[in-house]
Amino acid sequence: MQLKNKFLLVGVFVTLLLSSVVSYYASSNPDGLEKVAEEKGFLEDATEHNLGDSPLADYGVSGVTDDRLSVALAGAIGVLLMLGISTLMFRFLARRK
């Protein structure tokens, strides 16, 4: 196996590890936008997003009751989806040349 392929595999593994294990321990404090909305007093005017009830909403997988497993699955699914989409995009763009 070439060094480039090993590097990519290690990168995917580390990304999956971070997204599925470490992300559970991320801060539960509000992000920057939510904090500013709270400070400026318009947070209560916020409405639910149209995709708020989607299968991967709120950094979890709907239907999975274990919080750690739900977050881990959502992270892994997100990474694999983005890896697949970006791979297809780059292959398509590389063929255009």
N, C-alpha and C. Protein backbone atom coordinates (compact mmCIF):
# COMPACT_ATOMS: atom_id res chain seq x y z
N MET A 1 0.85 -1.19 0.00
CA MET A 1 0.00 0.00 0.00
C MET A 1 0.90 1.25 0.00
N GLN A 2 0.53 2.19 -0.81
CA GLN A 2 1.33 3.40 -0.93
C GLN A 2 1.20 4.27 0.32
N LEU A 3 2.21 5.09 0.53
CA LEU A 3 2.23 5.99 1.69
C LEU A 3 1.03 6.93 1.67
N LYS A 4 0.66 7.40 0.47
CA LYS A 4 -0.48 8.32 0.34
C LYS A 4 -1.77 7.64 0.82
N ASN A 5 -1.97 6.39 0.43
CA ASN A 5 -3.17 5.66 0.84
C ASN A 5 -3.18 5.40 2.35
N LYS A 6 -2.03 5.08 2.91
CA LYS A 6 -1.94 4.87 4.36
C LYS A 6 -2.27 6.16 5.09
N PHE A 7 -1.74 7.26 4.59
CA PHE A 7 -2.01 8.57 5.20
C PHE A 7 -3.51 8.87 5.17
N LEU A 8 -4.15 8.63 4.05
CA LEU A 8 -5.60 8.88 3.93
C LEU A 8 -6.39 7.98 4.87
N LEU A 9 -6.02 6.70 4.95
CA LEU A 9 -6.72 5.78 5.85
C LEU A 9 -6.57 6.19 7.31
N VAL A 10 -5.38 6.60 7.69
CA VAL A 10 -5.16 7.08 9.06
C VAL A 10 -5.97 8.34 9.31
N GLY A 11 -6.02 9.23 8.32
CA GLY A 11 -6.82 10.45 8.45
C GLY A 11 -8.30 10.15 8.63
N VAL A 12 -8.83 9.21 7.85
CA VAL A 12 -10.24 8.82 7.99
C VAL A 12 -10.48 8.19 9.35
N PHE A 13 -9.56 7.34 9.79
CA PHE A 13 -9.71 6.69 11.10
C PHE A 13 -9.72 7.72 12.23
N VAL A 14 -8.78 8.67 12.19
CA VAL A 14 -8.71 9.70 13.24
C VAL A 14 -9.97 10.56 13.22
N THR A 15 -10.45 10.91 12.03
CA THR A 15 -11.66 11.71 11.90
C THR A 15 -12.86 10.96 12.47
N LEU A 16 -12.98 9.68 12.15
CA LEU A 16 -14.08 8.88 12.70
C LEU A 16 -13.98 8.78 14.22
N LEU A 17 -12.77 8.61 14.72
CA LEU A 17 -12.56 8.53 16.16
C LEU A 17 -12.99 9.83 16.84
N LEU A 18 -12.55 10.95 16.30
CA LEU A 18 -12.90 12.24 16.89
C LEU A 18 -14.40 12.51 16.80
N SER A 19 -14.99 12.20 15.66
CA SER A 19 -16.41 12.51 15.48
C SER A 19 -17.32 11.59 16.26
N SER A 20 -16.88 10.37 16.52
CA SER A 20 -17.78 9.43 17.19
C SER A 20 -17.48 9.23 18.67
N VAL A 21 -16.29 9.53 19.11
CA VAL A 21 -15.95 9.32 20.53
C VAL A 21 -15.76 10.65 21.25
N VAL A 22 -14.88 11.47 20.74
CA VAL A 22 -14.52 12.70 21.42
C VAL A 22 -15.65 13.73 21.38
N SER A 23 -16.45 13.71 20.33
CA SER A 23 -17.51 14.72 20.19
C SER A 23 -18.56 14.63 21.30
N TYR A 24 -18.70 13.47 21.92
CA TYR A 24 -19.65 13.33 23.02
C TYR A 24 -19.26 14.23 24.20
N TYR A 25 -17.98 14.49 24.34
CA TYR A 25 -17.48 15.28 25.46
C TYR A 25 -17.34 16.76 25.13
N ALA A 26 -17.86 17.17 23.98
CA ALA A 26 -17.80 18.59 23.61
C ALA A 26 -18.63 19.42 24.57
N SER A 27 -18.34 20.68 24.64
CA SER A 27 -19.02 21.59 25.55
C SER A 27 -20.51 21.68 25.24
N SER A 28 -21.32 21.68 26.27
CA SER A 28 -22.77 21.83 26.09
C SER A 28 -23.17 23.31 26.18
N ASN A 29 -22.19 24.19 26.38
CA ASN A 29 -22.49 25.62 26.39
C ASN A 29 -22.96 26.06 25.01
N PRO A 30 -23.76 27.13 24.96
CA PRO A 30 -24.24 27.59 23.64
C PRO A 30 -23.08 28.04 22.75
N ASP A 31 -23.27 27.87 21.44
CA ASP A 31 -22.24 28.33 20.51
C ASP A 31 -22.28 29.85 20.42
N GLY A 32 -21.39 30.43 19.64
CA GLY A 32 -21.27 31.90 19.56
C GLY A 32 -22.54 32.59 19.12
N LEU A 33 -23.19 32.08 18.09
CA LEU A 33 -24.41 32.70 17.58
C LEU A 33 -25.54 32.64 18.62
N GLU A 34 -25.67 31.49 19.26
CA GLU A 34 -26.71 31.34 20.28
C GLU A 34 -26.44 32.24 21.48
N LYS A 35 -25.17 32.37 21.85
CA LYS A 35 -24.81 33.23 22.99
C LYS A 35 -25.13 34.70 22.69
N VAL A 36 -24.80 35.17 21.48
CA VAL A 36 -25.10 36.55 21.11
C VAL A 36 -26.62 36.77 21.07
N ALA A 37 -27.36 35.81 20.52
CA ALA A 37 -28.82 35.92 20.47
C ALA A 37 -29.40 36.01 21.88
N GLU A 38 -28.81 35.25 22.80
CA GLU A 38 -29.26 35.30 24.20
C GLU A 38 -28.94 36.65 24.82
N GLU A 39 -27.71 37.15 24.59
CA GLU A 39 -27.30 38.43 25.16
C GLU A 39 -28.10 39.60 24.60
N LYS A 40 -28.42 39.55 23.32
CA LYS A 40 -29.15 40.64 22.66
C LYS A 40 -30.67 40.52 22.84
N GLY A 41 -31.12 39.40 23.39
CA GLY A 41 -32.52 39.26 23.74
C GLY A 41 -33.45 38.80 22.62
N PHE A 42 -32.92 38.19 21.56
CA PHE A 42 -33.82 37.70 20.53
C PHE A 42 -33.77 36.18 20.37
N LEU A 43 -33.21 35.49 21.36
CA LEU A 43 -33.16 34.03 21.32
C LEU A 43 -34.55 33.42 21.40
N GLU A 44 -35.42 34.03 22.19
CA GLU A 44 -36.77 33.48 22.35
C GLU A 44 -37.62 33.65 21.08
N ASP A 45 -37.16 34.47 20.13
CA ASP A 45 -37.87 34.62 18.86
C ASP A 45 -37.51 33.52 17.86
N ALA A 46 -36.54 32.70 18.20
CA ALA A 46 -36.09 31.65 17.28
C ALA A 46 -37.18 30.60 17.11
N THR A 47 -37.25 30.07 15.91
CA THR A 47 -38.21 29.00 15.63
C THR A 47 -37.44 27.73 15.29
N GLU A 48 -38.12 26.62 15.36
CA GLU A 48 -37.50 25.33 15.03
C GLU A 48 -37.19 25.28 13.54
N HIS A 49 -36.04 24.74 13.21
CA HIS A 49 -35.64 24.60 11.82
C HIS A 49 -36.54 23.58 11.12
N ASN A 50 -36.73 23.73 9.82
CA ASN A 50 -37.57 22.81 9.07
C ASN A 50 -37.08 21.37 9.14
N LEU A 51 -35.79 21.19 9.31
CA LEU A 51 -35.23 19.84 9.41
C LEU A 51 -34.96 19.43 10.85
N GLY A 52 -35.59 20.12 11.80
CA GLY A 52 -35.37 19.84 13.21
C GLY A 52 -35.80 18.46 13.65
N ASP A 53 -36.63 17.80 12.87
CA ASP A 53 -37.06 16.45 13.23
C ASP A 53 -36.45 15.40 12.29
N SER A 54 -35.36 15.76 11.61
CA SER A 54 -34.70 14.83 10.70
C SER A 54 -33.96 13.75 11.51
N PRO A 55 -33.58 12.66 10.87
CA PRO A 55 -32.95 11.54 11.60
C PRO A 55 -31.65 11.89 12.33
N LEU A 56 -30.93 12.93 11.88
CA LEU A 56 -29.65 13.28 12.51
C LEU A 56 -29.70 14.64 13.20
N ALA A 57 -30.89 15.11 13.55
CA ALA A 57 -31.02 16.42 14.19
C ALA A 57 -30.44 16.41 15.61
N ASP A 58 -29.97 17.55 16.05
CA ASP A 58 -29.43 17.75 17.40
C ASP A 58 -28.26 16.82 17.73
N TYR A 59 -27.40 16.56 16.74
CA TYR A 59 -26.18 15.79 16.94
C TYR A 59 -26.44 14.39 17.48
N GLY A 60 -27.50 13.77 17.04
CA GLY A 60 -27.83 12.42 17.46
C GLY A 60 -28.65 11.72 16.40
N VAL A 61 -28.85 10.42 16.59
CA VAL A 61 -29.66 9.62 15.68
C VAL A 61 -31.00 9.37 16.35
N SER A 62 -32.07 9.77 15.67
CA SER A 62 -33.40 9.57 16.26
C SER A 62 -33.68 8.07 16.37
N GLY A 63 -34.31 7.71 17.45
CA GLY A 63 -34.64 6.31 17.69
C GLY A 63 -33.61 5.57 18.52
N VAL A 64 -32.43 6.12 18.71
CA VAL A 64 -31.39 5.50 19.52
C VAL A 64 -31.46 6.13 20.90
N THR A 65 -31.75 5.34 21.92
CA THR A 65 -31.98 5.88 23.26
C THR A 65 -30.70 6.15 24.04
N ASP A 66 -29.64 5.42 23.77
CA ASP A 66 -28.37 5.64 24.46
C ASP A 66 -27.70 6.88 23.88
N ASP A 67 -27.50 7.90 24.72
CA ASP A 67 -26.96 9.18 24.25
C ASP A 67 -25.58 9.03 23.61
N ARG A 68 -24.69 8.28 24.24
CA ARG A 68 -23.34 8.13 23.70
C ARG A 68 -23.36 7.45 22.34
N LEU A 69 -24.15 6.39 22.22
CA LEU A 69 -24.25 5.68 20.95
C LEU A 69 -24.89 6.55 19.88
N SER A 70 -25.89 7.32 20.26
CA SER A 70 -26.58 8.20 19.32
C SER A 70 -25.63 9.26 18.75
N VAL A 71 -24.85 9.89 19.62
CA VAL A 71 -23.88 10.90 19.19
C VAL A 71 -22.78 10.26 18.34
N ALA A 72 -22.31 9.09 18.77
CA ALA A 72 -21.25 8.39 18.02
C ALA A 72 -21.72 8.02 16.63
N LEU A 73 -22.93 7.49 16.52
CA LEU A 73 -23.46 7.12 15.21
C LEU A 73 -23.66 8.35 14.32
N ALA A 74 -24.19 9.42 14.89
CA ALA A 74 -24.40 10.65 14.10
C ALA A 74 -23.07 11.19 13.59
N GLY A 75 -22.05 11.18 14.42
CA GLY A 75 -20.74 11.65 14.00
C GLY A 75 -20.15 10.79 12.90
N ALA A 76 -20.21 9.47 13.07
CA ALA A 76 -19.67 8.56 12.08
C ALA A 76 -20.44 8.65 10.76
N ILE A 77 -21.76 8.72 10.83
CA ILE A 77 -22.59 8.83 9.62
C ILE A 77 -22.26 10.13 8.89
N GLY A 78 -22.14 11.22 9.64
CA GLY A 78 -21.81 12.50 9.03
C GLY A 78 -20.46 12.48 8.32
N VAL A 79 -19.46 11.91 8.97
CA VAL A 79 -18.13 11.83 8.36
C VAL A 79 -18.17 10.96 7.11
N LEU A 80 -18.81 9.80 7.17
CA LEU A 80 -18.86 8.91 6.02
C LEU A 80 -19.65 9.51 4.87
N LEU A 81 -20.75 10.21 5.18
CA LEU A 81 -21.52 10.88 4.13
C LEU A 81 -20.68 11.96 3.43
N MET A 82 -20.01 12.78 4.22
CA MET A 82 -19.20 13.85 3.63
C MET A 82 -18.01 13.27 2.86
N LEU A 83 -17.43 12.19 3.34
CA LEU A 83 -16.33 11.54 2.63
C LEU A 83 -16.83 11.02 1.27
N GLY A 84 -17.99 10.40 1.27
CA GLY A 84 -18.56 9.89 0.02
C GLY A 84 -18.90 11.00 -0.96
N ILE A 85 -19.56 12.04 -0.47
CA ILE A 85 -19.94 13.16 -1.33
C ILE A 85 -18.70 13.86 -1.90
N SER A 86 -17.72 14.12 -1.05
CA SER A 86 -16.53 14.83 -1.53
C SER A 86 -15.73 13.96 -2.49
N THR A 87 -15.67 12.66 -2.25
CA THR A 87 -14.97 11.76 -3.18
C THR A 87 -15.64 11.80 -4.55
N LEU A 88 -16.97 11.71 -4.58
CA LEU A 88 -17.68 11.78 -5.86
C LEU A 88 -17.46 13.12 -6.56
N MET A 89 -17.50 14.20 -5.80
CA MET A 89 -17.29 15.52 -6.39
C MET A 89 -15.90 15.64 -7.00
N PHE A 90 -14.87 15.22 -6.25
CA PHE A 90 -13.51 15.34 -6.75
C PHE A 90 -13.27 14.45 -7.97
N ARG A 91 -13.86 13.26 -7.98
CA ARG A 91 -13.71 12.39 -9.15
C ARG A 91 -14.40 13.00 -10.36
N PHE A 92 -15.57 13.58 -10.17
CA PHE A 92 -16.28 14.22 -11.26
C PHE A 92 -15.48 15.41 -11.79
N LEU A 93 -14.98 16.24 -10.88
CA LEU A 93 -14.21 17.40 -11.30
C LEU A 93 -12.89 17.02 -11.96
N ALA A 94 -12.27 15.95 -11.52
CA ALA A 94 -11.00 15.51 -12.11
C ALA A 94 -11.21 15.01 -13.53
N ARG A 95 -12.36 14.44 -13.83
CA ARG A 95 -12.65 13.94 -15.18
C ARG A 95 -12.91 15.08 -16.15
N ARG A 96 -13.34 16.24 -15.65
CA ARG A 96 -13.65 17.35 -16.52
C ARG A 96 -12.41 17.90 -17.22
N LYS A 97 -11.25 17.73 -16.64
CA LYS A 97 -10.01 18.25 -17.23
C LYS A 97 -9.69 17.42 -18.43
